[in-house]
């Protein structure tokens, strides 16, 4: 479904992605791993057609993506969730927020679609609320509902559990395991990545791919995890002694 060939991207004079190439099959769920600043968010925006690069090419469903051929059909096929859900909110009520994209894509039965998705996301009780007054977890649920309501083929999630409580994090994991969509999840949370995907693509601090393969194989490679700055070492106390070792938090 997705094919990236030697994608490089610059922000001003700084390279933030360096020769990125990989394929993602239809229906596959992939964890895009890397520390903050590795280029994960930029890569998702390139796949979504929000950023464009002169170096390399990207194909989705065998169609090369460029500024010239982005249309409403392409936009409808992709749903992207930003790390900060509040940055995506601009409607006065939760109901209006979910309905907005449905109206933009000229979908039918908008009211029933809003009711249905809000019930499945357990947010029907807040349909008349101001979305800016919701908790972080509720905002995340709202924006996911707003995206999935228009039924995109591809779902791109940028650190979806970064600002939510454990209950909402668990709900997001369950949702991702249940949906029948192609999903790329950008995260630096190894435990979350392991739960939702069997495949990991790892970016290092030089903005290059240093691993693309099975999640289990990644977790066996301590040296690579250290290189990618995905695990850390700190002191901690056990009973009456203090020692230090690397932690995967998994």
Protein backbone atom coordinates (compact mmCIF):
# COMPACT_ATOMS: atom_id res chain seq x y z
CA UNK A 1 0.00 0.00 0.00
CA UNK A 2 2.81 2.43 0.92
CA UNK A 3 6.21 2.64 -0.72
CA UNK A 4 8.89 5.17 0.24
CA UNK A 5 12.04 5.48 -1.87
CA UNK A 6 15.02 7.41 -0.47
CA UNK A 7 13.00 10.17 1.19
CA UNK A 8 15.10 12.99 2.63
CA UNK A 9 13.69 16.14 4.15
CA UNK A 10 15.21 19.42 5.30
CA UNK A 11 13.85 22.01 7.70
CA UNK A 12 15.64 25.18 6.66
CA UNK A 13 19.26 23.93 6.43
CA UNK A 14 18.86 21.01 8.84
CA UNK A 15 18.27 17.49 7.54
CA UNK A 16 15.49 15.85 9.57
CA UNK A 17 15.11 12.69 7.46
CA UNK A 18 17.93 10.95 5.63
CA UNK A 19 17.32 8.48 2.77
CA UNK A 20 14.24 6.78 4.21
CA UNK A 21 12.96 3.72 2.33
CA UNK A 22 10.40 1.10 3.33
CA UNK A 23 7.15 -0.56 2.23
CA UNK A 24 3.98 -1.14 4.22
CA UNK A 25 1.44 -3.71 3.06
CA UNK A 26 -2.31 -3.17 3.17
CA UNK A 27 -3.66 -4.11 6.59
CA UNK A 28 -0.25 -4.06 8.28
CA UNK A 29 0.26 -2.35 11.63
CA UNK A 30 3.73 -0.84 12.01
CA UNK A 31 5.39 0.89 14.96
CA UNK A 32 7.64 3.78 13.93
CA UNK A 33 10.08 4.05 16.81
CA UNK A 34 12.63 6.71 17.67
CA UNK A 35 13.53 9.22 20.34
CA UNK A 36 12.24 12.80 20.28
CA UNK A 37 13.73 14.66 17.32
CA UNK A 38 14.46 11.57 15.24
CA UNK A 39 12.00 12.61 12.52
CA UNK A 40 8.95 10.43 13.26
CA UNK A 41 6.39 13.24 13.15
CA UNK A 42 7.86 14.70 9.96
CA UNK A 43 7.73 11.30 8.28
CA UNK A 44 4.05 10.85 9.15
CA UNK A 45 3.27 14.27 7.70
CA UNK A 46 5.07 13.42 4.47
CA UNK A 47 3.07 10.19 4.14
CA UNK A 48 -0.12 12.17 4.80
CA UNK A 49 0.70 14.67 2.06
CA UNK A 50 1.08 17.58 4.47
CA UNK A 51 4.82 18.04 3.83
CA UNK A 52 6.55 17.55 0.49
CA UNK A 53 10.15 16.80 -0.33
CA UNK A 54 12.23 17.15 -3.47
CA UNK A 55 14.40 14.15 -2.57
CA UNK A 56 12.92 10.70 -3.03
CA UNK A 57 9.41 9.53 -3.87
CA UNK A 58 6.37 8.18 -2.08
CA UNK A 59 3.64 5.96 -3.51
CA UNK A 60 0.32 5.09 -1.92
CA UNK A 61 -1.79 2.47 -3.69
CA UNK A 62 0.66 2.65 -6.64
CA UNK A 63 0.10 6.38 -7.05
CA UNK A 64 3.00 8.79 -6.61
CA UNK A 65 2.15 11.53 -4.13
CA UNK A 66 3.05 15.13 -4.94
CA UNK A 67 1.62 18.61 -4.52
CA UNK A 68 0.07 18.34 -7.99
CA UNK A 69 -2.07 15.29 -7.37
CA UNK A 70 -3.36 15.74 -3.83
CA UNK A 71 -7.16 15.80 -3.96
CA UNK A 72 -10.15 15.24 -1.69
CA UNK A 73 -10.16 11.51 -2.46
CA UNK A 74 -6.59 11.22 -1.23
CA UNK A 75 -7.37 13.23 1.89
CA UNK A 76 -10.30 10.97 2.68
CA UNK A 77 -8.14 7.85 2.37
CA UNK A 78 -5.79 8.97 5.17
CA UNK A 79 -6.42 9.89 8.78
CA UNK A 80 -3.64 11.49 10.80
CA UNK A 81 -3.71 12.15 14.54
CA UNK A 82 -1.24 14.75 15.80
CA UNK A 83 0.59 14.37 19.09
CA UNK A 84 -1.37 17.25 20.62
CA UNK A 85 -5.07 16.59 19.91
CA UNK A 86 -6.02 20.10 21.02
CA UNK A 87 -4.22 21.50 17.96
CA UNK A 88 -6.81 19.73 15.77
CA UNK A 89 -9.91 21.01 17.57
CA UNK A 90 -11.74 24.04 16.17
CA UNK A 91 -15.48 23.31 16.42
CA UNK A 92 -17.80 24.54 19.20
CA UNK A 93 -19.14 21.12 20.24
CA UNK A 94 -18.05 17.50 20.18
CA UNK A 95 -20.92 16.74 17.80
CA UNK A 96 -19.76 19.43 15.37
CA UNK A 97 -16.16 18.21 15.60
CA UNK A 98 -17.09 14.67 14.56
CA UNK A 99 -19.46 15.89 11.86
CA UNK A 100 -16.99 18.33 10.31
CA UNK A 101 -15.01 15.86 8.19
CA UNK A 102 -18.17 13.95 7.24
CA UNK A 103 -19.53 17.18 5.77
CA UNK A 104 -16.21 17.99 4.07
CA UNK A 105 -16.25 14.60 2.32
CA UNK A 106 -19.96 14.85 1.42
CA UNK A 107 -20.86 11.68 3.26
CA UNK A 108 -24.45 10.66 3.80
CA UNK A 109 -26.34 9.99 7.05
CA UNK A 110 -24.08 12.37 8.99
CA UNK A 111 -26.21 12.49 12.16
CA UNK A 112 -26.46 8.70 12.43
CA UNK A 113 -22.73 8.35 11.76
CA UNK A 114 -21.95 10.80 14.55
CA UNK A 115 -24.24 8.94 16.95
CA UNK A 116 -22.80 5.56 16.00
CA UNK A 117 -19.11 6.48 16.30
CA UNK A 118 -19.68 8.39 19.54
CA UNK A 119 -21.33 5.33 21.10
CA UNK A 120 -18.57 2.98 19.98
CA UNK A 121 -15.99 5.39 21.46
CA UNK A 122 -18.08 5.84 24.62
CA UNK A 123 -18.28 9.62 24.24
CA UNK A 124 -21.97 9.99 23.35
CA UNK A 125 -22.67 11.69 26.67
CA UNK A 126 -20.45 14.63 25.71
CA UNK A 127 -21.78 15.38 22.24
CA UNK A 128 -23.03 18.83 23.25
CA UNK A 129 -19.90 19.72 25.25
CA UNK A 130 -17.18 22.18 24.30
CA UNK A 131 -14.30 19.93 23.19
CA UNK A 132 -11.71 22.27 24.68
CA UNK A 133 -13.14 21.53 28.13
CA UNK A 134 -12.46 17.78 27.84
CA UNK A 135 -9.62 15.93 29.52
CA UNK A 136 -6.54 14.91 27.53
CA UNK A 137 -7.81 11.36 27.14
CA UNK A 138 -11.28 12.52 26.09
CA UNK A 139 -9.77 14.85 23.47
CA UNK A 140 -7.71 11.98 22.11
CA UNK A 141 -10.82 9.79 21.87
CA UNK A 142 -12.72 12.62 20.19
CA UNK A 143 -10.10 13.19 17.52
CA UNK A 144 -9.79 9.45 16.82
CA UNK A 145 -13.58 9.29 16.50
CA UNK A 146 -13.54 12.30 14.15
CA UNK A 147 -10.97 10.55 11.96
CA UNK A 148 -12.44 7.04 11.93
CA UNK A 149 -15.94 8.40 11.29
CA UNK A 150 -15.03 9.04 7.63
CA UNK A 151 -13.47 5.57 7.26
CA UNK A 152 -9.92 6.22 6.01
CA UNK A 153 -7.88 3.31 4.64
CA UNK A 154 -4.67 4.43 6.35
CA UNK A 155 -4.32 5.61 9.94
CA UNK A 156 -1.26 7.59 11.04
CA UNK A 157 -0.89 8.17 14.78
CA UNK A 158 1.73 10.45 16.33
CA UNK A 159 2.46 9.49 19.97
CA UNK A 160 -1.21 8.67 20.66
CA UNK A 161 -0.62 7.72 24.31
CA UNK A 162 1.74 10.57 25.22
CA UNK A 163 -0.79 12.64 27.15
CA UNK A 164 -3.43 10.13 28.23
CA UNK A 165 -4.09 8.19 31.43
CA UNK A 166 -3.51 4.40 31.72
CA UNK A 167 -7.20 3.57 31.11
CA UNK A 168 -7.30 5.55 27.85
CA UNK A 169 -3.95 4.09 26.82
CA UNK A 170 -5.38 0.61 27.28
CA UNK A 171 -8.47 1.59 25.30
CA UNK A 172 -6.30 2.85 22.42
CA UNK A 173 -4.38 -0.45 22.39
CA UNK A 174 -7.62 -2.45 22.24
CA UNK A 175 -8.98 -0.21 19.48
CA UNK A 176 -5.86 -0.59 17.34
CA UNK A 177 -5.90 -4.37 17.72
CA UNK A 178 -9.54 -4.54 16.64
CA UNK A 179 -9.67 -2.21 13.63
CA UNK A 180 -9.10 -3.57 10.13
CA UNK A 181 -6.91 -0.80 8.74
CA UNK A 182 -3.35 -0.09 7.73
CA UNK A 183 -1.76 1.68 10.70
CA UNK A 184 1.56 3.42 11.34
CA UNK A 185 2.06 4.46 14.95
CA UNK A 186 4.94 6.81 15.80
CA UNK A 187 6.08 6.39 19.40
CA UNK A 188 9.07 6.09 21.69
CA UNK A 189 7.08 3.91 24.11
CA UNK A 190 8.44 0.40 23.63
CA UNK A 191 5.76 -1.28 25.73
CA UNK A 192 2.95 0.35 23.73
CA UNK A 193 4.67 -0.45 20.42
CA UNK A 194 5.03 -4.12 21.38
CA UNK A 195 1.32 -4.35 22.21
CA UNK A 196 0.02 -2.94 18.92
CA UNK A 197 2.48 -4.19 16.30
CA UNK A 198 4.66 -7.11 15.28
CA UNK A 199 6.92 -4.93 13.10
CA UNK A 200 9.16 -2.03 14.10
CA UNK A 201 10.89 0.60 12.00
CA UNK A 202 13.48 2.46 14.08
CA UNK A 203 14.91 5.91 13.37
CA UNK A 204 18.11 6.97 15.11
CA UNK A 205 19.26 10.45 16.11
CA UNK A 206 20.88 10.87 12.68
CA UNK A 207 17.37 10.57 11.16
CA UNK A 208 18.13 7.27 9.42
CA UNK A 209 16.46 3.87 9.60
CA UNK A 210 18.65 1.53 11.64
CA UNK A 211 16.17 -1.32 12.01
CA UNK A 212 13.18 -2.68 10.11
CA UNK A 213 11.92 -6.04 11.27
CA UNK A 214 10.14 -8.12 13.85
CA UNK A 215 9.47 -6.52 17.21
CA UNK A 216 10.78 -9.57 19.09
CA UNK A 217 14.10 -9.34 17.26
CA UNK A 218 14.39 -5.64 18.13
CA UNK A 219 13.89 -6.34 21.82
CA UNK A 220 16.74 -8.82 21.75
CA UNK A 221 19.17 -6.18 20.42
CA UNK A 222 20.20 -4.15 23.47
CA UNK A 223 22.99 -2.38 21.58
CA UNK A 224 20.60 -1.11 18.89
CA UNK A 225 18.06 0.07 21.45
CA UNK A 226 20.79 2.04 23.21
CA UNK A 227 21.98 3.52 19.91
CA UNK A 228 18.43 4.64 19.09
CA UNK A 229 18.09 6.20 22.57
CA UNK A 230 15.03 4.05 23.24
CA UNK A 231 16.29 2.66 26.54
CA UNK A 232 18.11 4.39 29.34
CA UNK A 233 20.26 3.68 32.34
CA UNK A 234 19.59 5.08 35.80
CA UNK A 235 20.20 4.31 39.44
CA UNK A 236 17.47 2.76 41.53
CA UNK A 237 17.10 1.12 44.88
CA UNK A 238 16.48 -2.54 45.71
CA UNK A 239 15.97 -3.09 49.43
CA UNK A 240 19.25 -1.94 50.99
CA UNK A 241 21.42 -1.44 47.92
CA UNK A 242 21.49 0.86 44.93
CA UNK A 243 22.61 -0.20 41.47
CA UNK A 244 22.32 0.92 37.86
CA UNK A 245 21.40 -0.87 34.62
CA UNK A 246 19.56 -0.29 31.36
CA UNK A 247 15.77 -0.27 31.33
CA UNK A 248 13.43 -1.17 28.50
CA UNK A 249 10.33 -0.52 30.60
CA UNK A 250 8.66 -3.49 28.98
